[in-house]
């Protein structure tokens, strides 16, 4: 894949711009991080060269000055909300975030549970768990009339009820496991409490997408709309920025809609608003670091198609109407693409049609497409994985796993572990390959190619089960599926 983004320039420019923003305020700077601070896979897909840890590495260079506050909504805890891309709960993801931040040398000062109510048992239990782990926990409460009732919000009945988050550093990064966690409200609440204490603190927002200085119809910005189709986010020209500065900038509807209220809140808290537009609040420099615009356009188009397939599968699994996929279908039309423009789609479907069974296809780094079909021994993804590793290792005509080595595993599965499917899943194939590598140079050569699969595209003719889905995700493969189940079973593991 061509590189289209200069990560080193990004880190330098981003650090410098944050320093400039900090200089605007004599007190603390509360920096709200939208999107994903770690594991930003979307950014790495649409901006080739942007690594998933780009932002956290940049912050790690300021580790002596940064304090991280993680926000989570009590409402999300109550409904056991799950992060869709990882399949884990917000509780687990928050703990994962804390571990990751610490591994980069970042100081995590506390967790704030927003939308707190005393009858929320899940929030109470999670608070106790965090405190038992030595993590400070603060509570922020719902405010009637939020965000419109400014008089109530900026009062002792509003932000004044929230517990003040004690911080020890001047750059406070507020992040969260997902959207709707109350990051902005947390920052504004802190501004209110700081102002009462005579501290002239400020607020800024780090939102990677949409990229404000790319055109509205740029595929990278359209890919952001596809990624947030479930949130009804829509990119738009920032009218406040155009009026104030006479130049066009791209923002999204929620920030534009809430900006008049934010301006009033700033005026009530600080005496005047430091910003003339929602775009002014941002500190994002990503648009200045695109080194190959065409490479980013192509990558973003592929992301829109991936999001379309993801929506189709989600709608099939949940048996809901096709609202999300219909929205993304319109976005595909905007970028001039169709679902067949994903190079691995047609090969997978052709094998499925010719065999009458599930099939899979993977595009290797050099563009070659390798397929896998269902057999008595292997599932389609397992066969595809072995075939891809053989091609990469230059041993196409070798049987890496002999039937004699597979059959004992099948016997174990069906006779002792209660499995109705004797075919080897991807995890079982990799374990068998690793065992064979101990005495087989071909198996060892194939196993050494696993790292070269990261970033490759895969398409399957049916919806994957959780095992194959998890293994391919761990390998860093970008998977899409046809919205079709491989069997007619009613119960399916999630």
Protein backbone atom coordinates (compact mmCIF):
# COMPACT_ATOMS: atom_id res chain seq x y z
CA UNK A 1 0.00 0.00 0.00
CA UNK A 2 1.26 3.47 -0.88
CA UNK A 3 2.01 5.81 1.99
CA UNK A 4 -0.05 8.97 1.91
CA UNK A 5 0.56 10.48 5.34
CA UNK A 6 3.73 11.78 7.00
CA UNK A 7 3.48 10.65 10.62
CA UNK A 8 6.69 12.36 11.76
CA UNK A 9 5.63 15.74 10.40
CA UNK A 10 2.26 15.20 12.05
CA UNK A 11 3.79 14.60 15.46
CA UNK A 12 5.96 17.71 15.21
CA UNK A 13 3.21 19.99 13.94
CA UNK A 14 0.63 18.65 16.36
CA UNK A 15 2.88 19.08 19.39
CA UNK A 16 3.75 22.63 18.33
CA UNK A 17 0.12 23.59 17.79
CA UNK A 18 -0.95 22.23 21.18
CA UNK A 19 1.85 24.28 22.76
CA UNK A 20 0.55 27.40 20.98
CA UNK A 21 -2.95 26.74 22.27
CA UNK A 22 -1.68 26.22 25.82
CA UNK A 23 0.04 29.62 25.62
CA UNK A 24 -3.37 31.28 25.12
CA UNK A 25 -4.36 30.50 28.71
CA UNK A 26 -2.54 31.21 31.95
CA UNK A 27 -4.19 28.30 33.73
CA UNK A 28 -4.75 24.72 32.68
CA UNK A 29 -5.74 23.61 29.19
CA UNK A 30 -8.45 20.95 29.10
CA UNK A 31 -7.98 19.12 25.80
CA UNK A 32 -10.95 17.01 24.76
CA UNK A 33 -9.90 14.08 22.58
CA UNK A 34 -12.63 12.98 20.20
CA UNK A 35 -12.36 9.65 18.43
CA UNK A 36 -9.82 7.06 19.53
CA UNK A 37 -6.64 8.11 21.29
CA UNK A 38 -5.25 4.58 21.05
CA UNK A 39 -5.95 1.98 18.36
CA UNK A 40 -7.18 4.57 15.86
CA UNK A 41 -7.65 1.99 13.13
CA UNK A 42 -9.97 4.21 11.10
CA UNK A 43 -7.31 6.92 10.76
CA UNK A 44 -4.67 4.35 9.82
CA UNK A 45 -6.93 2.99 7.08
CA UNK A 46 -7.90 6.30 5.45
CA UNK A 47 -4.53 8.02 5.95
CA UNK A 48 -1.97 5.35 4.95
CA UNK A 49 1.12 6.03 7.02
CA UNK A 50 -0.84 7.19 10.08
CA UNK A 51 -0.18 4.50 12.68
CA UNK A 52 -2.90 3.51 15.16
CA UNK A 53 -0.81 4.86 18.05
CA UNK A 54 0.17 8.15 16.35
CA UNK A 55 -1.71 10.40 18.77
CA UNK A 56 -0.70 8.67 21.97
CA UNK A 57 2.97 8.62 20.86
CA UNK A 58 2.73 12.37 20.28
CA UNK A 59 1.30 12.85 23.78
CA UNK A 60 3.97 10.58 25.26
CA UNK A 61 6.56 13.12 24.12
CA UNK A 62 4.82 15.54 26.53
CA UNK A 63 4.42 12.94 29.27
CA UNK A 64 5.92 15.14 32.01
CA UNK A 65 3.24 17.77 31.36
CA UNK A 66 0.18 15.65 30.55
CA UNK A 67 -2.46 14.24 32.86
CA UNK A 68 -5.18 11.97 31.48
CA UNK A 69 -8.76 11.93 32.74
CA UNK A 70 -10.98 9.17 31.35
CA UNK A 71 -14.72 9.80 31.16
CA UNK A 72 -17.41 7.13 30.97
CA UNK A 73 -21.17 7.55 31.04
CA UNK A 74 -23.13 5.82 33.78
CA UNK A 75 -25.86 5.26 31.21
CA UNK A 76 -23.47 3.26 29.03
CA UNK A 77 -22.45 1.22 32.08
CA UNK A 78 -26.09 0.51 32.90
CA UNK A 79 -26.79 -0.88 29.44
CA UNK A 80 -23.46 -2.77 29.27
CA UNK A 81 -22.48 -0.94 26.09
CA UNK A 82 -19.95 -2.77 23.92
CA UNK A 83 -17.24 -1.30 21.71
CA UNK A 84 -18.22 -2.81 18.37
CA UNK A 85 -14.78 -2.97 16.75
CA UNK A 86 -13.26 -4.92 19.65
CA UNK A 87 -16.29 -6.73 21.04
CA UNK A 88 -15.55 -5.71 24.63
CA UNK A 89 -17.57 -3.69 27.16
CA UNK A 90 -16.88 -0.03 27.92
CA UNK A 91 -15.82 -1.12 31.42
CA UNK A 92 -13.15 -3.43 30.04
CA UNK A 93 -12.13 -0.92 27.39
CA UNK A 94 -11.65 1.80 30.00
CA UNK A 95 -9.31 -0.46 31.97
CA UNK A 96 -7.52 -1.36 28.74
CA UNK A 97 -7.10 2.35 28.02
CA UNK A 98 -5.61 3.01 31.45
CA UNK A 99 -3.12 0.17 31.00
CA UNK A 100 -2.20 1.43 27.51
CA UNK A 101 -1.70 5.03 28.66
CA UNK A 102 0.53 3.89 31.48
CA UNK A 103 2.56 1.72 29.10
CA UNK A 104 3.39 4.91 27.15
CA UNK A 105 4.47 6.67 30.34
CA UNK A 106 1.33 8.81 30.57
CA UNK A 107 -0.10 9.71 33.97
CA UNK A 108 -3.77 8.75 34.41
CA UNK A 109 -5.02 10.96 37.21
CA UNK A 110 -8.61 9.80 37.53
CA UNK A 111 -11.83 8.53 36.00
CA UNK A 112 -15.02 10.58 35.92
CA UNK A 113 -18.36 8.80 35.73
CA UNK A 114 -20.76 11.18 34.02
CA UNK A 115 -24.60 11.13 34.13
CA UNK A 116 -24.33 9.65 37.64
CA UNK A 117 -27.51 8.68 39.48
CA UNK A 118 -27.59 6.96 42.85
CA UNK A 119 -29.89 4.19 41.59
CA UNK A 120 -27.45 3.02 38.92
CA UNK A 121 -26.04 -0.17 40.43
CA UNK A 122 -23.66 -0.87 37.55
CA UNK A 123 -22.04 2.55 37.95
CA UNK A 124 -21.75 2.07 41.71
CA UNK A 125 -20.15 -1.34 41.26
CA UNK A 126 -17.70 -0.01 38.68
CA UNK A 127 -16.78 2.89 40.93
CA UNK A 128 -15.96 0.48 43.74
CA UNK A 129 -13.92 -1.67 41.37
CA UNK A 130 -11.89 1.30 40.14
CA UNK A 131 -11.25 2.55 43.67
CA UNK A 132 -10.14 -0.94 44.73
CA UNK A 133 -7.60 -0.74 41.89
CA UNK A 134 -6.25 2.54 43.29
CA UNK A 135 -7.91 4.80 40.69
CA UNK A 136 -9.54 8.05 41.81
CA UNK A 137 -13.17 8.35 40.73
CA UNK A 138 -15.28 11.50 40.44
CA UNK A 139 -19.01 11.85 39.77
CA UNK A 140 -20.75 14.27 37.42
CA UNK A 141 -24.51 14.52 37.48
CA UNK A 142 -27.27 15.04 34.89
CA UNK A 143 -28.34 18.68 34.52
CA UNK A 144 -31.99 19.31 33.61
CA UNK A 145 -32.27 21.39 30.45
CA UNK A 146 -28.74 20.60 29.26
CA UNK A 147 -27.37 22.10 27.04
CA UNK A 148 -29.93 24.86 26.45
CA UNK A 149 -30.63 26.14 29.97
CA UNK A 150 -27.39 28.09 30.36
CA UNK A 151 -28.49 29.88 33.54
CA UNK A 152 -29.03 26.57 35.33
CA UNK A 153 -25.92 24.89 33.83
CA UNK A 154 -23.57 27.67 34.95
CA UNK A 155 -24.78 27.68 38.54
CA UNK A 156 -24.54 25.76 41.78
CA UNK A 157 -27.44 23.58 40.55
CA UNK A 158 -25.58 22.71 37.37
CA UNK A 159 -21.81 22.41 37.07
CA UNK A 160 -21.59 23.42 40.72
CA UNK A 161 -23.02 20.02 41.77
CA UNK A 162 -20.30 18.11 39.97
CA UNK A 163 -17.35 16.86 41.95
CA UNK A 164 -14.27 18.91 41.06
CA UNK A 165 -11.58 16.74 39.47
CA UNK A 166 -8.30 17.43 41.25
CA UNK A 167 -5.51 17.58 38.67
CA UNK A 168 -1.80 18.18 39.20
CA UNK A 169 -0.65 19.08 35.68
CA UNK A 170 -1.43 21.93 33.32
CA UNK A 171 -2.32 19.91 30.19
CA UNK A 172 -5.33 17.75 31.02
CA UNK A 173 -6.38 15.33 28.30
CA UNK A 174 -10.00 14.19 28.61
CA UNK A 175 -10.74 11.03 26.67
CA UNK A 176 -13.29 8.19 26.73
CA UNK A 177 -13.94 4.65 25.47
CA UNK A 178 -16.52 5.92 22.97
CA UNK A 179 -18.86 8.75 21.90
CA UNK A 180 -21.47 10.22 24.21
CA UNK A 181 -19.35 9.78 27.32
CA UNK A 182 -19.53 13.42 28.40
CA UNK A 183 -16.01 14.59 27.55
CA UNK A 184 -16.97 18.14 26.59
CA UNK A 185 -19.27 18.57 29.58
CA UNK A 186 -16.43 17.35 31.81
CA UNK A 187 -14.08 19.99 30.37
CA UNK A 188 -16.63 22.81 30.74
CA UNK A 189 -17.45 21.73 34.28
CA UNK A 190 -13.75 21.97 35.12
CA UNK A 191 -13.57 25.45 33.56
CA UNK A 192 -16.45 26.54 35.80
CA UNK A 193 -14.81 25.20 38.95
CA UNK A 194 -11.38 26.58 38.01
CA UNK A 195 -12.88 30.01 37.33
CA UNK A 196 -14.46 30.01 40.80
CA UNK A 197 -10.99 29.25 42.18
CA UNK A 198 -9.43 32.12 40.24
CA UNK A 199 -7.73 29.87 37.68
CA UNK A 200 -7.97 31.13 34.08
CA UNK A 201 -8.13 27.75 32.34
CA UNK A 202 -9.00 27.07 28.71
CA UNK A 203 -10.56 24.43 26.52
CA UNK A 204 -9.64 22.99 23.13
CA UNK A 205 -10.77 20.02 21.08
CA UNK A 206 -8.68 17.41 19.32
CA UNK A 207 -10.97 15.83 16.73
CA UNK A 208 -9.16 14.15 13.86
CA UNK A 209 -12.22 13.89 11.60
CA UNK A 210 -13.64 15.50 9.64
CA UNK A 211 -10.40 17.14 8.56
CA UNK A 212 -11.29 20.83 8.61
CA UNK A 213 -8.97 21.98 5.81
CA UNK A 214 -9.89 19.26 3.29
CA UNK A 215 -12.82 19.82 0.91
CA UNK A 216 -16.27 18.79 2.08
CA UNK A 217 -16.50 16.14 -0.65
CA UNK A 218 -12.99 14.74 -0.11
CA UNK A 219 -13.22 10.93 0.29
CA UNK A 220 -11.38 11.10 3.63
CA UNK A 221 -14.14 13.31 5.05
CA UNK A 222 -16.86 11.22 3.42
CA UNK A 223 -15.30 8.11 4.99
CA UNK A 224 -15.80 9.78 8.39
CA UNK A 225 -19.51 10.18 7.62
CA UNK A 226 -19.65 6.49 6.73
CA UNK A 227 -17.92 5.59 10.00
CA UNK A 228 -20.46 7.59 12.03
CA UNK A 229 -23.58 6.73 10.04
CA UNK A 230 -25.09 5.22 13.19
CA UNK A 231 -24.71 8.60 14.96
CA UNK A 232 -26.35 10.59 12.13
CA UNK A 233 -23.25 12.78 11.84
CA UNK A 234 -23.17 14.94 8.73
CA UNK A 235 -20.20 16.97 7.52
CA UNK A 236 -20.90 20.59 6.69
CA UNK A 237 -19.24 23.92 6.02
CA UNK A 238 -18.77 25.70 9.34
CA UNK A 239 -20.96 28.82 8.93
CA UNK A 240 -19.45 30.54 11.97
CA UNK A 241 -15.93 30.12 10.61
CA UNK A 242 -16.96 31.43 7.20
CA UNK A 243 -18.62 34.48 8.77
CA UNK A 244 -15.73 35.22 11.12
CA UNK A 245 -12.76 34.54 8.84
CA UNK A 246 -14.12 34.53 5.30
CA UNK A 247 -12.71 31.06 4.62
CA UNK A 248 -14.38 27.67 4.34
CA UNK A 249 -13.70 24.99 6.93
CA UNK A 250 -15.34 21.61 7.36
CA UNK A 251 -16.93 20.57 10.63
CA UNK A 252 -19.83 18.33 11.53
CA UNK A 253 -23.41 19.03 12.46
CA UNK A 254 -23.28 18.34 16.20
CA UNK A 255 -20.45 20.81 16.86
CA UNK A 256 -22.04 23.44 14.63
CA UNK A 257 -25.46 23.02 16.25
CA UNK A 258 -24.15 23.29 19.81
CA UNK A 259 -21.69 26.14 19.19
CA UNK A 260 -24.09 29.03 20.03
CA UNK A 261 -24.76 27.35 23.38
CA UNK A 262 -21.03 26.80 23.93
CA UNK A 263 -20.38 30.47 23.22
CA UNK A 264 -22.91 31.46 25.89
CA UNK A 265 -21.36 29.00 28.33
CA UNK A 266 -17.89 30.42 27.70
CA UNK A 267 -19.24 33.94 28.19
CA UNK A 268 -20.88 32.96 31.48
CA UNK A 269 -17.82 31.11 32.75
CA UNK A 270 -14.92 33.13 31.33
CA UNK A 271 -16.55 36.48 30.60
CA UNK A 272 -16.05 36.10 26.84
CA UNK A 273 -15.67 33.30 24.31
CA UNK A 274 -12.09 32.63 23.13
CA UNK A 275 -13.39 31.17 19.87
CA UNK A 276 -15.31 32.58 16.90
CA UNK A 277 -16.24 29.18 15.45
CA UNK A 278 -16.32 25.48 16.37
CA UNK A 279 -13.38 24.97 13.98
CA UNK A 280 -11.38 27.52 15.99
CA UNK A 281 -11.73 25.23 19.03
CA UNK A 282 -9.83 22.44 17.26
CA UNK A 283 -6.10 21.77 17.23
CA UNK A 284 -6.00 19.16 14.46
CA UNK A 285 -3.05 19.38 12.03
CA UNK A 286 -3.68 16.13 10.12
CA UNK A 287 -4.69 17.88 6.91
CA UNK A 288 -1.27 19.52 6.64
CA UNK A 289 0.51 16.15 6.80
CA UNK A 290 -1.00 14.40 3.77
CA UNK A 291 1.94 13.61 1.52
CA UNK A 292 0.06 11.77 -1.24
CA UNK A 293 -3.51 12.96 -1.69
CA UNK A 294 -4.37 10.32 -4.28
CA UNK A 295 -3.24 7.49 -2.00
CA UNK A 296 -5.47 8.83 0.79
CA UNK A 297 -8.41 9.24 -1.60
CA UNK A 298 -8.11 5.63 -2.75
CA UNK A 299 -7.78 4.35 0.82
CA UNK A 300 -10.81 6.38 1.93
CA UNK A 301 -12.97 5.02 -0.90
CA UNK A 302 -12.10 1.49 0.20
CA UNK A 303 -13.05 2.41 3.77
CA UNK A 304 -16.48 3.61 2.64
CA UNK A 305 -17.05 0.24 0.95
CA UNK A 306 -15.89 -1.60 4.08
CA UNK A 307 -18.29 0.43 6.20
CA UNK A 308 -21.11 -0.46 3.83
CA UNK A 309 -20.51 -4.18 4.25
CA UNK A 310 -20.15 -3.77 8.00
CA UNK A 311 -23.55 -2.06 8.15
CA UNK A 312 -25.15 -4.80 6.05
CA UNK A 313 -23.86 -7.49 8.42
CA UNK A 314 -24.93 -5.56 11.54
CA UNK A 315 -28.44 -5.12 10.14
CA UNK A 316 -28.63 -8.83 9.28
CA UNK A 317 -27.45 -9.86 12.74
CA UNK A 318 -29.83 -7.54 14.54
CA UNK A 319 -32.72 -8.04 12.10
CA UNK A 320 -33.25 -4.29 11.72
CA UNK A 321 -34.10 -2.06 8.80
CA UNK A 322 -31.40 -1.01 6.36
CA UNK A 323 -31.18 2.61 7.50
CA UNK A 324 -27.43 2.67 8.11
CA UNK A 325 -26.45 0.80 4.96
CA UNK A 326 -28.79 2.99 2.90
CA UNK A 327 -27.00 6.10 4.19
CA UNK A 328 -23.60 4.64 3.37
CA UNK A 329 -24.83 3.56 -0.06
CA UNK A 330 -25.45 7.23 -0.83
CA UNK A 331 -21.94 8.05 0.36
CA UNK A 332 -20.52 5.36 -1.94
CA UNK A 333 -22.29 7.09 -4.80
CA UNK A 334 -20.70 10.39 -3.74
CA UNK A 335 -17.21 8.93 -4.10
CA UNK A 336 -18.15 7.13 -7.32
CA UNK A 337 -17.74 3.63 -5.94
CA UNK A 338 -19.74 0.42 -5.74
CA UNK A 339 -19.37 -2.60 -3.50
CA UNK A 340 -17.76 -4.53 -6.36
CA UNK A 341 -14.85 -2.05 -6.32
CA UNK A 342 -13.42 -3.94 -3.38
CA UNK A 343 -10.91 -6.21 -5.20
CA UNK A 344 -11.48 -9.25 -2.96
CA UNK A 345 -15.26 -9.36 -3.35
CA UNK A 346 -15.62 -10.91 -6.80
CA UNK A 347 -12.95 -13.65 -6.32
CA UNK A 348 -14.57 -14.79 -3.07
CA UNK A 349 -18.04 -14.90 -4.60
CA UNK A 350 -16.80 -16.74 -7.69
CA UNK A 351 -15.27 -19.52 -5.57
CA UNK A 352 -18.42 -19.71 -3.44
CA UNK A 353 -20.58 -20.01 -6.56
CA UNK A 354 -18.40 -22.69 -8.15
CA UNK A 355 -18.17 -24.80 -4.98
CA UNK A 356 -21.59 -24.17 -3.46
CA UNK A 357 -19.92 -23.56 -0.10
CA UNK A 358 -18.45 -20.63 1.88
CA UNK A 359 -15.33 -19.08 0.39
CA UNK A 360 -12.84 -16.33 1.22
CA UNK A 361 -10.32 -14.14 -0.61
CA UNK A 362 -7.38 -12.03 0.53
CA UNK A 363 -5.44 -9.35 -1.36
CA UNK A 364 -1.72 -9.63 -0.58
CA UNK A 365 0.54 -6.56 -0.26
CA UNK A 366 1.66 -6.88 -3.89
CA UNK A 367 -1.94 -6.95 -5.14
CA UNK A 368 -2.22 -10.69 -5.79
CA UNK A 369 -5.54 -12.18 -4.65
CA UNK A 370 -5.52 -15.59 -2.98
CA UNK A 371 -8.70 -17.56 -2.27
CA UNK A 372 -9.74 -20.32 0.08
CA UNK A 373 -12.61 -22.80 -0.20
CA UNK A 374 -14.43 -24.99 2.28
CA UNK A 375 -13.26 -28.61 2.45
CA UNK A 376 -13.76 -31.60 4.70
CA UNK A 377 -10.66 -30.59 6.65
CA UNK A 378 -10.62 -26.79 6.64
CA UNK A 379 -13.02 -23.88 6.79
CA UNK A 380 -12.78 -21.29 4.03
CA UNK A 381 -10.85 -18.75 6.13
CA UNK A 382 -8.42 -21.40 7.33
CA UNK A 383 -7.74 -22.53 3.76
CA UNK A 384 -7.34 -18.92 2.60
CA UNK A 385 -4.90 -18.21 5.43
CA UNK A 386 -2.72 -21.23 4.64
CA UNK A 387 -2.79 -20.49 0.90
CA UNK A 388 -1.80 -16.86 1.49
CA UNK A 389 1.11 -17.83 3.75
CA UNK A 390 2.34 -20.35 1.17
CA UNK A 391 2.25 -17.76 -1.62
CA UNK A 392 4.11 -15.23 0.52
CA UNK A 393 6.72 -17.86 1.44
CA UNK A 394 7.10 -18.98 -2.19
CA UNK A 395 6.02 -22.57 -1.49
CA UNK A 396 2.68 -22.66 -3.34
CA UNK A 397 2.84 -26.36 -4.22
CA UNK A 398 3.50 -27.65 -0.68
CA UNK A 399 0.92 -29.20 1.69
CA UNK A 400 1.74 -27.48 4.95
CA UNK A 401 -0.59 -29.62 7.03
CA UNK A 402 -1.02 -33.27 6.12
CA UNK A 403 -4.49 -34.82 6.60
CA UNK A 404 -2.91 -37.16 9.15
CA UNK A 405 -2.03 -34.16 11.35
CA UNK A 406 -5.45 -32.57 11.02
CA UNK A 407 -7.61 -35.62 11.71
CA UNK A 408 -6.59 -36.01 15.40
CA UNK A 409 -7.61 -32.39 16.01
CA UNK A 410 -10.95 -33.04 14.34
CA UNK A 411 -11.47 -36.11 16.50
CA UNK A 412 -10.70 -34.11 19.62
CA UNK A 413 -13.20 -31.42 18.61
CA UNK A 414 -16.10 -33.69 17.70
CA UNK A 415 -15.66 -36.55 20.14
CA UNK A 416 -14.52 -34.77 23.29
CA UNK A 417 -15.24 -31.03 22.97
CA UNK A 418 -18.80 -31.24 21.67
CA UNK A 419 -18.18 -29.44 18.37
CA UNK A 420 -20.53 -30.18 15.48
CA UNK A 421 -18.10 -28.68 12.97
CA UNK A 422 -15.01 -30.86 12.40
CA UNK A 423 -13.32 -28.32 10.11
CA UNK A 424 -10.36 -26.46 11.58
CA UNK A 425 -10.86 -22.80 12.44
CA UNK A 426 -8.11 -20.26 11.89
CA UNK A 427 -6.83 -20.47 15.47
CA UNK A 428 -6.54 -24.25 15.25
CA UNK A 429 -4.74 -24.05 11.90
CA UNK A 430 -2.23 -21.56 13.28
CA UNK A 431 -1.55 -23.73 16.33
CA UNK A 432 -1.09 -26.79 14.10
CA UNK A 433 1.21 -24.78 11.84
CA UNK A 434 3.25 -23.57 14.81
CA UNK A 435 3.67 -27.13 16.07
CA UNK A 436 4.72 -28.30 12.60
CA UNK A 437 7.23 -25.43 12.31
CA UNK A 438 9.32 -27.07 15.02
CA UNK A 439 10.51 -29.72 12.57
CA UNK A 440 9.35 -28.55 9.14
CA UNK A 441 11.20 -25.72 7.39
CA UNK A 442 8.26 -25.06 5.05
CA UNK A 443 5.87 -24.60 7.95
CA UNK A 444 8.42 -22.37 9.63
CA UNK A 445 8.79 -20.24 6.49
CA UNK A 446 5.02 -19.90 6.19
CA UNK A 447 4.63 -18.94 9.84
CA UNK A 448 7.24 -16.21 9.44
CA UNK A 449 4.96 -14.51 6.88
CA UNK A 450 2.14 -13.78 9.34
CA UNK A 451 3.29 -10.20 9.90
CA UNK A 452 2.94 -9.50 6.17
CA UNK A 453 -0.82 -10.03 6.39
CA UNK A 454 -1.34 -6.91 8.50
CA UNK A 455 -3.36 -4.37 6.57
CA UNK A 456 -4.47 -6.85 3.88
CA UNK A 457 -8.10 -6.90 2.73
CA UNK A 458 -10.25 -10.00 3.10
CA UNK A 459 -13.78 -10.76 1.95
CA UNK A 460 -15.85 -13.82 2.83
CA UNK A 461 -19.02 -15.08 1.19
CA UNK A 462 -20.70 -15.60 4.58
CA UNK A 463 -20.74 -13.95 8.01
CA UNK A 464 -17.79 -15.16 10.08
CA UNK A 465 -18.10 -16.84 13.43
CA UNK A 466 -16.50 -15.17 16.47
CA UNK A 467 -13.34 -17.31 16.40
CA UNK A 468 -12.31 -16.60 12.81
CA UNK A 469 -13.38 -12.97 13.18
CA UNK A 470 -11.24 -12.54 16.28
CA UNK A 471 -8.15 -14.21 14.79
CA UNK A 472 -8.27 -12.13 11.61
CA UNK A 473 -8.73 -8.98 13.69
CA UNK A 474 -5.71 -9.91 15.79
CA UNK A 475 -3.68 -10.38 12.60
CA UNK A 476 -4.61 -6.85 11.55
CA UNK A 477 -6.57 -7.98 8.49
CA UNK A 478 -9.41 -5.77 7.19
CA UNK A 479 -12.38 -8.13 6.85
CA UNK A 480 -15.74 -7.69 5.16
CA UNK A 481 -18.49 -10.28 4.79
CA UNK A 482 -21.52 -10.86 2.66
CA UNK A 483 -24.61 -10.49 4.90
CA UNK A 484 -25.37 -14.21 4.65
CA UNK A 485 -25.13 -16.90 7.31
CA UNK A 486 -23.28 -20.13 6.52
CA UNK A 487 -25.96 -22.25 8.21
CA UNK A 488 -29.67 -22.00 9.01
CA UNK A 489 -29.13 -22.37 12.77
CA UNK A 490 -31.18 -19.97 14.92
CA UNK A 491 -28.72 -19.69 17.80
CA UNK A 492 -25.39 -18.10 17.02
CA UNK A 493 -22.51 -17.14 19.30
CA UNK A 494 -21.76 -13.41 19.30
